[in-house]
Amino acid sequence: MSSAGLTYPDAGFTDRPYPQTLEGGWPEGYRLVLRSVRLDVPDPAAAFLRLADGILSWGLHRESGLRVAADTPRAAAGVEMASGVGVGPLRWQAPCRVLWSAEPVLDGGVPVPGQRAGFGYGTLRGHPEAGEEGFYAELTSDGQLFFRVAAYSRPANWFVAAGGPANRWTQEMITRRYFRTARRLAVGGQQPPSGG
C-alpha cells in the first residue's frame, strides 16, 4: 500500500479483514462514519458474491448515482479512480487511490463463511475531503450477510470546512444511496424481502 500522494497521513485504517472489528482503533482528528446493515436474503452466500462483485466492479458507486472514472474495471490496490458528484457537467470530481482490496475466498465455487470482500480507498489531491473509506461485503462465520461502510475524513481545505453542514448532508445522502444500492445488488437487482 503506497501512501505517496495521499492527502492525509493516517493511511490504511480501513483494511480490517474478518473478524477484526470496525469499532475502535481509528486515528484521531477525523469525523468517523461507521454504518452496517444485515441483509436478510434467502441465500446469503450467493448474495454475498453478488454484493462483493458489485462493490469491486464500481457498481455500488455507479448505481448510487456517482460517475466513476477508474484505471481498471475492478478495484485493486494501486488503482486510481475519481467519482463525480453533481448534475451534468457541473460535477465535483473526487480523486482517490485504492489502498487495499479483497476478493471473495471460494471453496469449490462457494464462498467460505467468515470473510469480508471489498476495498478501501484514500483521497488524492483535488478531493474535497482528506481521509479514507472502506466498503465491505461480509459473510459471517454463521452465514449471515452484512454490508458495512467505514470512513474517516476531515475537510481538505477551508472552503470545504466552511460548508460544514452542506458537506455532511452530501456525505450522508451518498452513504444512504450506498445502502439502498447494496440491498439491490445483494438480491440481484430485485426488491429485497421485507425486514432486509
N, C-alpha and C. Protein backbone atom coordinates (compact mmCIF):
# COMPACT_ATOMS: atom_id res chain seq x y z
N MET A 1 0.85 -1.19 0.00
CA MET A 1 0.00 0.00 0.00
C MET A 1 0.89 1.23 0.00
N SER A 2 0.81 2.04 -1.07
CA SER A 2 1.60 3.26 -1.17
C SER A 2 0.80 4.44 -0.65
N SER A 3 1.41 5.21 0.25
CA SER A 3 0.74 6.40 0.77
C SER A 3 1.20 7.66 0.05
N ALA A 4 2.10 7.52 -0.93
CA ALA A 4 2.59 8.68 -1.68
C ALA A 4 1.43 9.36 -2.39
N GLY A 5 1.33 10.67 -2.21
CA GLY A 5 0.30 11.44 -2.89
C GLY A 5 -1.02 11.52 -2.16
N LEU A 6 -1.20 10.74 -1.10
CA LEU A 6 -2.44 10.83 -0.33
C LEU A 6 -2.48 12.16 0.41
N THR A 7 -3.67 12.66 0.67
CA THR A 7 -3.82 13.98 1.29
C THR A 7 -3.97 13.92 2.81
N TYR A 8 -3.63 12.80 3.41
CA TYR A 8 -3.74 12.63 4.85
C TYR A 8 -2.65 11.66 5.29
N PRO A 9 -2.16 11.76 6.52
CA PRO A 9 -1.02 10.94 6.94
C PRO A 9 -1.38 9.57 7.50
N ASP A 10 -2.65 9.35 7.82
CA ASP A 10 -3.05 8.15 8.55
C ASP A 10 -3.70 7.13 7.63
N ALA A 11 -2.90 6.50 6.78
CA ALA A 11 -3.45 5.61 5.76
C ALA A 11 -3.55 4.17 6.24
N GLY A 12 -4.56 3.47 5.74
CA GLY A 12 -4.65 2.03 5.92
C GLY A 12 -5.55 1.55 7.03
N PHE A 13 -6.22 2.44 7.74
CA PHE A 13 -7.02 2.01 8.88
C PHE A 13 -8.30 1.28 8.49
N THR A 14 -8.72 1.40 7.22
CA THR A 14 -9.93 0.67 6.80
C THR A 14 -9.64 -0.78 6.43
N ASP A 15 -8.39 -1.16 6.34
CA ASP A 15 -8.03 -2.54 5.98
C ASP A 15 -8.21 -3.43 7.21
N ARG A 16 -9.42 -3.99 7.34
CA ARG A 16 -9.77 -4.77 8.52
C ARG A 16 -10.46 -6.07 8.11
N PRO A 17 -9.66 -7.09 7.85
CA PRO A 17 -10.25 -8.38 7.46
C PRO A 17 -11.10 -8.98 8.58
N TYR A 18 -12.03 -9.80 8.18
CA TYR A 18 -12.89 -10.51 9.14
C TYR A 18 -12.01 -11.42 9.99
N PRO A 19 -12.21 -11.52 11.28
CA PRO A 19 -13.28 -10.97 12.10
C PRO A 19 -12.89 -9.69 12.84
N GLN A 20 -11.88 -8.97 12.35
CA GLN A 20 -11.46 -7.74 13.02
C GLN A 20 -12.63 -6.77 13.10
N THR A 21 -12.81 -6.18 14.26
CA THR A 21 -13.94 -5.26 14.47
C THR A 21 -13.70 -3.94 13.75
N LEU A 22 -14.79 -3.30 13.39
CA LEU A 22 -14.70 -1.96 12.83
C LEU A 22 -14.85 -0.90 13.92
N GLU A 23 -15.12 -1.34 15.12
CA GLU A 23 -15.25 -0.41 16.26
C GLU A 23 -13.86 -0.15 16.84
N GLY A 24 -13.55 1.11 17.09
CA GLY A 24 -12.31 1.46 17.77
C GLY A 24 -11.08 1.37 16.88
N GLY A 25 -9.99 1.97 17.38
CA GLY A 25 -8.72 1.90 16.68
C GLY A 25 -8.57 2.84 15.50
N TRP A 26 -9.41 3.88 15.43
CA TRP A 26 -9.34 4.82 14.32
C TRP A 26 -8.45 5.99 14.68
N PRO A 27 -7.83 6.65 13.69
CA PRO A 27 -6.95 7.79 14.01
C PRO A 27 -7.75 8.98 14.55
N GLU A 28 -7.09 9.78 15.36
CA GLU A 28 -7.72 10.95 15.98
C GLU A 28 -7.80 12.10 14.97
N GLY A 29 -8.76 13.00 15.21
CA GLY A 29 -8.85 14.22 14.43
C GLY A 29 -9.68 14.13 13.17
N TYR A 30 -10.43 13.06 13.01
CA TYR A 30 -11.27 12.87 11.83
C TYR A 30 -12.72 12.66 12.25
N ARG A 31 -13.63 12.98 11.34
CA ARG A 31 -15.04 12.61 11.52
C ARG A 31 -15.16 11.14 11.11
N LEU A 32 -15.71 10.34 11.99
CA LEU A 32 -15.82 8.90 11.75
C LEU A 32 -17.25 8.54 11.41
N VAL A 33 -17.41 7.74 10.36
CA VAL A 33 -18.71 7.20 9.98
C VAL A 33 -18.58 5.68 9.94
N LEU A 34 -19.38 5.00 10.75
CA LEU A 34 -19.44 3.53 10.76
C LEU A 34 -20.90 3.15 10.58
N ARG A 35 -21.22 2.44 9.52
CA ARG A 35 -22.59 2.02 9.26
C ARG A 35 -22.59 0.56 8.83
N SER A 36 -23.62 -0.15 9.21
CA SER A 36 -23.76 -1.53 8.75
C SER A 36 -25.22 -1.92 8.77
N VAL A 37 -25.55 -2.90 7.94
CA VAL A 37 -26.90 -3.45 7.90
C VAL A 37 -26.79 -4.94 7.60
N ARG A 38 -27.61 -5.71 8.30
CA ARG A 38 -27.71 -7.13 7.97
C ARG A 38 -28.73 -7.26 6.87
N LEU A 39 -28.38 -7.98 5.82
CA LEU A 39 -29.26 -8.15 4.67
C LEU A 39 -29.91 -9.52 4.75
N ASP A 40 -31.20 -9.53 5.00
CA ASP A 40 -31.95 -10.78 5.08
C ASP A 40 -32.31 -11.22 3.67
N VAL A 41 -31.64 -12.24 3.20
CA VAL A 41 -31.85 -12.76 1.85
C VAL A 41 -31.98 -14.28 1.93
N PRO A 42 -32.68 -14.90 0.97
CA PRO A 42 -32.86 -16.36 1.02
C PRO A 42 -31.55 -17.15 0.95
N ASP A 43 -30.56 -16.66 0.18
CA ASP A 43 -29.29 -17.37 0.01
C ASP A 43 -28.15 -16.40 0.28
N PRO A 44 -27.75 -16.24 1.56
CA PRO A 44 -26.71 -15.25 1.89
C PRO A 44 -25.40 -15.46 1.15
N ALA A 45 -25.01 -16.72 0.88
CA ALA A 45 -23.73 -16.97 0.20
C ALA A 45 -23.77 -16.43 -1.23
N ALA A 46 -24.84 -16.70 -1.95
CA ALA A 46 -24.97 -16.19 -3.32
C ALA A 46 -25.09 -14.68 -3.32
N ALA A 47 -25.83 -14.14 -2.37
CA ALA A 47 -25.99 -12.69 -2.27
C ALA A 47 -24.66 -12.02 -1.92
N PHE A 48 -23.85 -12.68 -1.09
CA PHE A 48 -22.52 -12.16 -0.76
C PHE A 48 -21.69 -12.01 -2.03
N LEU A 49 -21.73 -13.01 -2.91
CA LEU A 49 -20.96 -12.93 -4.15
C LEU A 49 -21.46 -11.79 -5.05
N ARG A 50 -22.77 -11.62 -5.13
CA ARG A 50 -23.31 -10.53 -5.95
C ARG A 50 -22.92 -9.18 -5.37
N LEU A 51 -23.04 -9.03 -4.05
CA LEU A 51 -22.69 -7.77 -3.41
C LEU A 51 -21.20 -7.48 -3.55
N ALA A 52 -20.37 -8.48 -3.30
CA ALA A 52 -18.92 -8.28 -3.42
C ALA A 52 -18.54 -7.88 -4.84
N ASP A 53 -19.14 -8.54 -5.83
CA ASP A 53 -18.85 -8.19 -7.21
C ASP A 53 -19.29 -6.76 -7.51
N GLY A 54 -20.45 -6.36 -7.01
CA GLY A 54 -20.93 -5.00 -7.22
C GLY A 54 -20.03 -3.96 -6.59
N ILE A 55 -19.51 -4.27 -5.42
CA ILE A 55 -18.58 -3.34 -4.76
C ILE A 55 -17.28 -3.24 -5.57
N LEU A 56 -16.70 -4.38 -5.89
CA LEU A 56 -15.38 -4.42 -6.52
C LEU A 56 -15.39 -3.95 -7.98
N SER A 57 -16.55 -4.01 -8.65
CA SER A 57 -16.63 -3.59 -10.05
C SER A 57 -17.14 -2.16 -10.20
N TRP A 58 -17.16 -1.40 -9.11
CA TRP A 58 -17.61 0.00 -9.07
C TRP A 58 -19.13 0.12 -9.20
N GLY A 59 -19.85 -0.99 -9.26
CA GLY A 59 -21.30 -0.95 -9.39
C GLY A 59 -21.96 -0.25 -8.22
N LEU A 60 -21.45 -0.46 -7.02
CA LEU A 60 -22.01 0.22 -5.85
C LEU A 60 -22.00 1.73 -6.05
N HIS A 61 -20.89 2.24 -6.55
CA HIS A 61 -20.75 3.68 -6.76
C HIS A 61 -21.62 4.16 -7.92
N ARG A 62 -21.51 3.47 -9.05
CA ARG A 62 -22.26 3.91 -10.23
C ARG A 62 -23.77 3.86 -10.00
N GLU A 63 -24.24 2.78 -9.39
CA GLU A 63 -25.68 2.64 -9.17
C GLU A 63 -26.18 3.53 -8.04
N SER A 64 -25.25 4.16 -7.32
CA SER A 64 -25.63 5.13 -6.29
C SER A 64 -25.63 6.55 -6.84
N GLY A 65 -25.44 6.68 -8.16
CA GLY A 65 -25.53 7.98 -8.81
C GLY A 65 -24.22 8.70 -9.02
N LEU A 66 -23.09 8.03 -8.76
CA LEU A 66 -21.79 8.67 -8.96
C LEU A 66 -21.25 8.29 -10.33
N ARG A 67 -20.59 9.22 -10.98
CA ARG A 67 -19.92 8.93 -12.24
C ARG A 67 -18.49 8.52 -11.89
N VAL A 68 -18.10 7.32 -12.30
CA VAL A 68 -16.80 6.77 -11.90
C VAL A 68 -15.87 6.71 -13.10
N ALA A 69 -14.68 7.27 -12.92
CA ALA A 69 -13.59 7.13 -13.88
C ALA A 69 -12.47 6.38 -13.16
N ALA A 70 -12.13 5.20 -13.66
CA ALA A 70 -11.13 4.36 -12.98
C ALA A 70 -10.13 3.81 -13.98
N ASP A 71 -8.93 3.50 -13.47
CA ASP A 71 -7.88 2.91 -14.30
C ASP A 71 -8.25 1.52 -14.80
N THR A 72 -9.07 0.80 -14.04
CA THR A 72 -9.43 -0.57 -14.40
C THR A 72 -10.91 -0.78 -14.11
N PRO A 73 -11.50 -1.86 -14.68
CA PRO A 73 -12.90 -2.13 -14.41
C PRO A 73 -13.16 -2.72 -13.02
N ARG A 74 -12.11 -2.96 -12.26
CA ARG A 74 -12.27 -3.59 -10.95
C ARG A 74 -11.31 -2.95 -9.95
N ALA A 75 -11.77 -2.77 -8.72
CA ALA A 75 -10.93 -2.18 -7.68
C ALA A 75 -9.80 -3.15 -7.31
N ALA A 76 -8.61 -2.63 -7.27
CA ALA A 76 -7.43 -3.39 -6.86
C ALA A 76 -6.44 -2.39 -6.27
N ALA A 77 -5.60 -2.85 -5.38
CA ALA A 77 -4.63 -1.97 -4.73
C ALA A 77 -3.81 -1.22 -5.78
N GLY A 78 -3.71 0.09 -5.61
CA GLY A 78 -2.95 0.93 -6.52
C GLY A 78 -3.78 1.59 -7.61
N VAL A 79 -5.00 1.11 -7.85
CA VAL A 79 -5.85 1.68 -8.89
C VAL A 79 -6.29 3.08 -8.47
N GLU A 80 -6.19 4.02 -9.39
CA GLU A 80 -6.69 5.37 -9.12
C GLU A 80 -8.03 5.54 -9.81
N MET A 81 -8.94 6.22 -9.12
CA MET A 81 -10.28 6.45 -9.65
C MET A 81 -10.74 7.82 -9.18
N ALA A 82 -11.77 8.31 -9.84
CA ALA A 82 -12.42 9.55 -9.41
C ALA A 82 -13.91 9.37 -9.56
N SER A 83 -14.64 9.83 -8.57
CA SER A 83 -16.09 9.78 -8.66
C SER A 83 -16.59 11.21 -8.73
N GLY A 84 -17.60 11.41 -9.58
CA GLY A 84 -18.14 12.74 -9.77
C GLY A 84 -19.49 12.88 -9.14
N VAL A 85 -19.66 13.93 -8.35
CA VAL A 85 -20.94 14.23 -7.71
C VAL A 85 -21.44 15.54 -8.31
N GLY A 86 -22.69 15.56 -8.72
CA GLY A 86 -23.27 16.77 -9.26
C GLY A 86 -24.28 16.46 -10.33
N VAL A 87 -24.57 17.47 -11.15
CA VAL A 87 -25.55 17.33 -12.22
C VAL A 87 -24.88 17.68 -13.53
N GLY A 88 -25.00 16.79 -14.52
CA GLY A 88 -24.44 17.04 -15.85
C GLY A 88 -22.97 17.40 -15.78
N PRO A 89 -22.58 18.49 -16.46
CA PRO A 89 -21.17 18.88 -16.46
C PRO A 89 -20.73 19.53 -15.15
N LEU A 90 -21.70 19.90 -14.29
CA LEU A 90 -21.37 20.53 -13.01
C LEU A 90 -21.14 19.43 -11.96
N ARG A 91 -19.95 18.85 -12.00
CA ARG A 91 -19.61 17.76 -11.11
C ARG A 91 -18.32 18.07 -10.39
N TRP A 92 -18.31 17.73 -9.10
CA TRP A 92 -17.08 17.85 -8.31
C TRP A 92 -16.41 16.49 -8.36
N GLN A 93 -15.25 16.44 -8.98
CA GLN A 93 -14.51 15.19 -9.08
C GLN A 93 -13.77 14.93 -7.77
N ALA A 94 -13.81 13.70 -7.33
CA ALA A 94 -13.20 13.31 -6.06
C ALA A 94 -12.20 12.19 -6.32
N PRO A 95 -10.93 12.53 -6.59
CA PRO A 95 -9.93 11.50 -6.90
C PRO A 95 -9.46 10.72 -5.68
N CYS A 96 -9.30 9.42 -5.87
CA CYS A 96 -8.87 8.51 -4.80
C CYS A 96 -7.94 7.44 -5.36
N ARG A 97 -7.25 6.77 -4.45
CA ARG A 97 -6.45 5.59 -4.81
C ARG A 97 -6.89 4.43 -3.94
N VAL A 98 -7.11 3.29 -4.58
CA VAL A 98 -7.46 2.08 -3.83
C VAL A 98 -6.22 1.64 -3.07
N LEU A 99 -6.37 1.48 -1.76
CA LEU A 99 -5.25 1.10 -0.90
C LEU A 99 -5.20 -0.40 -0.66
N TRP A 100 -6.35 -1.03 -0.65
CA TRP A 100 -6.43 -2.49 -0.45
C TRP A 100 -7.72 -2.97 -1.10
N SER A 101 -7.71 -4.23 -1.49
CA SER A 101 -8.94 -4.85 -1.97
C SER A 101 -8.90 -6.32 -1.57
N ALA A 102 -10.07 -6.89 -1.41
CA ALA A 102 -10.18 -8.31 -1.02
C ALA A 102 -11.27 -8.95 -1.87
N GLU A 103 -10.88 -9.91 -2.68
CA GLU A 103 -11.82 -10.68 -3.48
C GLU A 103 -12.42 -11.78 -2.60
N PRO A 104 -13.61 -12.27 -2.94
CA PRO A 104 -14.19 -13.38 -2.17
C PRO A 104 -13.29 -14.62 -2.20
N VAL A 105 -13.21 -15.29 -1.06
CA VAL A 105 -12.48 -16.56 -0.96
C VAL A 105 -13.49 -17.67 -1.18
N LEU A 106 -13.20 -18.54 -2.16
CA LEU A 106 -14.14 -19.59 -2.54
C LEU A 106 -13.56 -20.97 -2.25
N ASP A 107 -14.45 -21.90 -2.01
CA ASP A 107 -14.10 -23.32 -1.90
C ASP A 107 -15.08 -24.07 -2.79
N GLY A 108 -14.59 -24.52 -3.94
CA GLY A 108 -15.46 -25.20 -4.88
C GLY A 108 -16.55 -24.29 -5.45
N GLY A 109 -16.22 -23.01 -5.62
CA GLY A 109 -17.18 -22.06 -6.16
C GLY A 109 -18.12 -21.46 -5.13
N VAL A 110 -18.03 -21.90 -3.89
CA VAL A 110 -18.90 -21.42 -2.81
C VAL A 110 -18.07 -20.56 -1.87
N PRO A 111 -18.59 -19.38 -1.48
CA PRO A 111 -17.81 -18.55 -0.57
C PRO A 111 -17.64 -19.18 0.80
N VAL A 112 -16.44 -19.09 1.32
CA VAL A 112 -16.10 -19.61 2.64
C VAL A 112 -16.72 -18.68 3.69
N PRO A 113 -17.49 -19.20 4.65
CA PRO A 113 -18.03 -18.33 5.71
C PRO A 113 -16.89 -17.71 6.53
N GLY A 114 -17.16 -16.53 7.06
CA GLY A 114 -16.17 -15.84 7.89
C GLY A 114 -15.18 -15.05 7.06
N GLN A 115 -15.69 -14.11 6.24
CA GLN A 115 -14.80 -13.29 5.41
C GLN A 115 -15.46 -11.97 5.06
N ARG A 116 -14.59 -11.03 4.66
CA ARG A 116 -15.04 -9.76 4.10
C ARG A 116 -14.40 -9.61 2.72
N ALA A 117 -15.19 -9.11 1.78
CA ALA A 117 -14.68 -8.74 0.46
C ALA A 117 -15.01 -7.27 0.26
N GLY A 118 -14.20 -6.58 -0.52
CA GLY A 118 -14.44 -5.17 -0.78
C GLY A 118 -13.13 -4.44 -0.97
N PHE A 119 -13.16 -3.15 -0.72
CA PHE A 119 -11.94 -2.36 -0.88
C PHE A 119 -12.02 -1.10 -0.03
N GLY A 120 -10.86 -0.45 0.11
CA GLY A 120 -10.78 0.84 0.76
C GLY A 120 -9.94 1.77 -0.09
N TYR A 121 -10.36 3.03 -0.16
CA TYR A 121 -9.55 3.99 -0.90
C TYR A 121 -9.29 5.23 -0.07
N GLY A 122 -8.18 5.89 -0.43
CA GLY A 122 -7.76 7.11 0.24
C GLY A 122 -7.80 8.27 -0.73
N THR A 123 -7.95 9.47 -0.18
CA THR A 123 -8.12 10.67 -1.00
C THR A 123 -6.79 11.17 -1.58
N LEU A 124 -6.90 11.69 -2.80
CA LEU A 124 -5.79 12.32 -3.51
C LEU A 124 -6.08 13.81 -3.66
N ARG A 125 -5.09 14.55 -4.09
CA ARG A 125 -5.25 16.00 -4.28
C ARG A 125 -6.44 16.28 -5.20
N GLY A 126 -7.27 17.24 -4.79
CA GLY A 126 -8.46 17.59 -5.54
C GLY A 126 -9.73 17.06 -4.93
N HIS A 127 -9.60 16.10 -4.02
CA HIS A 127 -10.78 15.57 -3.31
C HIS A 127 -11.20 16.59 -2.25
N PRO A 128 -12.51 16.84 -2.09
CA PRO A 128 -12.94 17.82 -1.10
C PRO A 128 -12.68 17.41 0.35
N GLU A 129 -12.50 16.12 0.58
CA GLU A 129 -12.21 15.62 1.92
C GLU A 129 -10.81 15.02 1.93
N ALA A 130 -10.26 14.84 3.10
CA ALA A 130 -8.98 14.15 3.29
C ALA A 130 -9.25 12.98 4.22
N GLY A 131 -9.03 11.77 3.73
CA GLY A 131 -9.28 10.60 4.56
C GLY A 131 -9.50 9.35 3.74
N GLU A 132 -10.21 8.43 4.31
CA GLU A 132 -10.29 7.08 3.75
C GLU A 132 -11.68 6.50 3.96
N GLU A 133 -12.08 5.62 3.05
CA GLU A 133 -13.38 4.96 3.17
C GLU A 133 -13.24 3.51 2.73
N GLY A 134 -13.90 2.63 3.46
CA GLY A 134 -13.90 1.21 3.14
C GLY A 134 -15.31 0.71 2.92
N PHE A 135 -15.46 -0.23 1.98
CA PHE A 135 -16.75 -0.83 1.63
C PHE A 135 -16.61 -2.33 1.77
N TYR A 136 -17.49 -2.94 2.54
CA TYR A 136 -17.32 -4.36 2.89
C TYR A 136 -18.60 -5.16 2.66
N ALA A 137 -18.47 -6.25 1.93
CA ALA A 137 -19.48 -7.30 1.94
C ALA A 137 -18.96 -8.32 2.94
N GLU A 138 -19.76 -8.67 3.92
CA GLU A 138 -19.30 -9.57 4.97
C GLU A 138 -20.22 -10.78 5.07
N LEU A 139 -19.62 -11.95 4.98
CA LEU A 139 -20.34 -13.20 5.22
C LEU A 139 -19.79 -13.75 6.53
N THR A 140 -20.61 -13.73 7.57
CA THR A 140 -20.13 -14.11 8.90
C THR A 140 -19.90 -15.61 8.98
N SER A 141 -19.23 -16.03 10.04
CA SER A 141 -18.94 -17.46 10.21
C SER A 141 -20.20 -18.29 10.36
N ASP A 142 -21.32 -17.65 10.78
CA ASP A 142 -22.58 -18.39 10.88
C ASP A 142 -23.50 -18.12 9.68
N GLY A 143 -22.92 -17.57 8.58
CA GLY A 143 -23.65 -17.46 7.33
C GLY A 143 -24.57 -16.27 7.17
N GLN A 144 -24.42 -15.23 7.98
CA GLN A 144 -25.23 -14.02 7.80
C GLN A 144 -24.49 -13.04 6.89
N LEU A 145 -25.27 -12.24 6.17
CA LEU A 145 -24.71 -11.28 5.23
C LEU A 145 -24.87 -9.86 5.77
N PHE A 146 -23.78 -9.10 5.75
CA PHE A 146 -23.78 -7.70 6.15
C PHE A 146 -23.15 -6.86 5.06
N PHE A 147 -23.62 -5.63 4.95
CA PHE A 147 -22.93 -4.61 4.18
C PHE A 147 -22.47 -3.57 5.18
N ARG A 148 -21.19 -3.18 5.10
CA ARG A 148 -20.63 -2.22 6.04
C ARG A 148 -19.86 -1.14 5.29
N VAL A 149 -19.89 0.06 5.87
CA VAL A 149 -19.09 1.18 5.38
C VAL A 149 -18.38 1.77 6.58
N ALA A 150 -17.08 2.05 6.42
CA ALA A 150 -16.30 2.72 7.46
C ALA A 150 -15.54 3.85 6.78
N ALA A 151 -15.62 5.04 7.35
CA ALA A 151 -14.92 6.19 6.76
C ALA A 151 -14.42 7.11 7.86
N TYR A 152 -13.25 7.65 7.64
CA TYR A 152 -12.76 8.73 8.50
C TYR A 152 -12.23 9.84 7.59
N SER A 153 -12.67 11.06 7.86
CA SER A 153 -12.30 12.16 6.97
C SER A 153 -12.37 13.49 7.71
N ARG A 154 -11.77 14.47 7.07
CA ARG A 154 -11.87 15.86 7.52
C ARG A 154 -11.80 16.72 6.26
N PRO A 155 -12.29 17.97 6.33
CA PRO A 155 -12.26 18.82 5.14
C PRO A 155 -10.84 18.99 4.62
N ALA A 156 -10.70 19.00 3.30
CA ALA A 156 -9.37 19.12 2.69
C ALA A 156 -8.89 20.57 2.63
N ASN A 157 -9.81 21.53 2.76
CA ASN A 157 -9.40 22.93 2.70
C ASN A 157 -10.43 23.79 3.44
N TRP A 158 -10.14 25.07 3.58
CA TRP A 158 -11.02 25.98 4.33
C TRP A 158 -12.38 26.12 3.65
N PHE A 159 -12.41 26.09 2.31
CA PHE A 159 -13.66 26.26 1.59
C PHE A 159 -14.63 25.12 1.92
N VAL A 160 -14.11 23.91 1.92
CA VAL A 160 -14.94 22.75 2.25
C VAL A 160 -15.34 22.82 3.73
N ALA A 161 -14.40 23.21 4.59
CA ALA A 161 -14.71 23.32 6.02
C ALA A 161 -15.82 24.34 6.26
N ALA A 162 -15.83 25.43 5.49
CA ALA A 162 -16.85 26.47 5.65
C ALA A 162 -18.24 25.96 5.30
N GLY A 163 -18.30 24.97 4.44
CA GLY A 163 -19.59 24.40 4.05
C GLY A 163 -19.98 23.20 4.89
N GLY A 164 -19.51 23.15 6.14
CA GLY A 164 -19.69 22.01 7.04
C GLY A 164 -21.02 21.28 6.95
N PRO A 165 -22.14 21.92 7.30
CA PRO A 165 -23.43 21.21 7.29
C PRO A 165 -23.80 20.70 5.90
N ALA A 166 -23.53 21.48 4.86
CA ALA A 166 -23.86 21.04 3.49
C ALA A 166 -23.00 19.84 3.09
N ASN A 167 -21.73 19.88 3.48
CA ASN A 167 -20.84 18.76 3.15
C ASN A 167 -21.26 17.49 3.88
N ARG A 168 -21.63 17.62 5.16
CA ARG A 168 -22.08 16.44 5.91
C ARG A 168 -23.38 15.90 5.33
N TRP A 169 -24.27 16.79 4.89
CA TRP A 169 -25.52 16.37 4.28
C TRP A 169 -25.23 15.58 3.00
N THR A 170 -24.29 16.08 2.17
CA THR A 170 -23.93 15.39 0.94
C THR A 170 -23.35 14.01 1.24
N GLN A 171 -22.45 13.94 2.22
CA GLN A 171 -21.87 12.64 2.59
C GLN A 171 -22.95 11.68 3.07
N GLU A 172 -23.87 12.18 3.87
CA GLU A 172 -24.95 11.34 4.39
C GLU A 172 -25.86 10.86 3.26
N MET A 173 -26.16 11.72 2.32
CA MET A 173 -27.01 11.35 1.18
C MET A 173 -26.36 10.24 0.37
N ILE A 174 -25.07 10.39 0.10
CA ILE A 174 -24.37 9.37 -0.69
C ILE A 174 -24.29 8.06 0.08
N THR A 175 -24.04 8.12 1.39
CA THR A 175 -23.99 6.90 2.20
C THR A 175 -25.34 6.19 2.18
N ARG A 176 -26.44 6.93 2.30
CA ARG A 176 -27.77 6.30 2.22
C ARG A 176 -27.97 5.62 0.87
N ARG A 177 -27.50 6.26 -0.19
CA ARG A 177 -27.60 5.65 -1.52
C ARG A 177 -26.80 4.35 -1.59
N TYR A 178 -25.61 4.35 -0.99
CA TYR A 178 -24.81 3.12 -0.97
C TYR A 178 -25.60 1.96 -0.35
N PHE A 179 -26.30 2.23 0.74
CA PHE A 179 -27.02 1.17 1.42
C PHE A 179 -28.21 0.69 0.61
N ARG A 180 -28.92 1.61 -0.04
CA ARG A 180 -30.02 1.18 -0.92
C ARG A 180 -29.49 0.34 -2.08
N THR A 181 -28.38 0.78 -2.66
CA THR A 181 -27.79 0.06 -3.78
C THR A 181 -27.28 -1.30 -3.33
N ALA A 182 -26.67 -1.38 -2.15
CA ALA A 182 -26.16 -2.66 -1.65
C ALA A 182 -27.29 -3.68 -1.53
N ARG A 183 -28.45 -3.25 -1.07
CA ARG A 183 -29.60 -4.17 -0.98
C ARG A 183 -29.98 -4.69 -2.36
N ARG A 184 -30.02 -3.78 -3.35
CA ARG A 184 -30.37 -4.20 -4.72
C ARG A 184 -29.33 -5.17 -5.28
N LEU A 185 -28.06 -4.85 -5.07
CA LEU A 185 -27.00 -5.74 -5.56
C LEU A 185 -27.11 -7.13 -4.94
N ALA A 186 -27.36 -7.17 -3.64
CA ALA A 186 -27.41 -8.45 -2.93
C ALA A 186 -28.54 -9.35 -3.43
N VAL A 187 -29.65 -8.74 -3.80
CA VAL A 187 -30.79 -9.55 -4.25
C VAL A 187 -30.85 -9.65 -5.77
N GLY A 188 -29.80 -9.19 -6.44
CA GLY A 188 -29.76 -9.33 -7.89
C GLY A 188 -30.60 -8.32 -8.63
N GLY A 189 -30.74 -7.12 -8.08
CA GLY A 189 -31.49 -6.07 -8.75
C GLY A 189 -32.97 -6.08 -8.44
N GLN A 190 -33.44 -7.05 -7.66
CA GLN A 190 -34.87 -7.12 -7.30
C GLN A 190 -35.06 -6.44 -5.96
N GLN A 191 -36.30 -6.17 -5.64
CA GLN A 191 -36.61 -5.62 -4.33
C GLN A 191 -36.26 -6.64 -3.25
N PRO A 192 -35.56 -6.22 -2.17
CA PRO A 192 -35.24 -7.17 -1.10
C PRO A 192 -36.48 -7.59 -0.33
N PRO A 193 -36.46 -8.78 0.27
CA PRO A 193 -37.58 -9.19 1.10
C PRO A 193 -37.78 -8.21 2.24
N SER A 194 -38.99 -8.07 2.74
CA SER A 194 -39.24 -7.17 3.86
C SER A 194 -38.43 -7.59 5.06
N GLY A 195 -37.98 -6.59 5.81
CA GLY A 195 -37.15 -6.86 7.00
C GLY A 195 -35.68 -6.89 6.67
N GLY A 196 -35.29 -6.78 5.37
CA GLY A 196 -33.90 -6.86 4.96
C GLY A 196 -33.20 -5.54 4.96
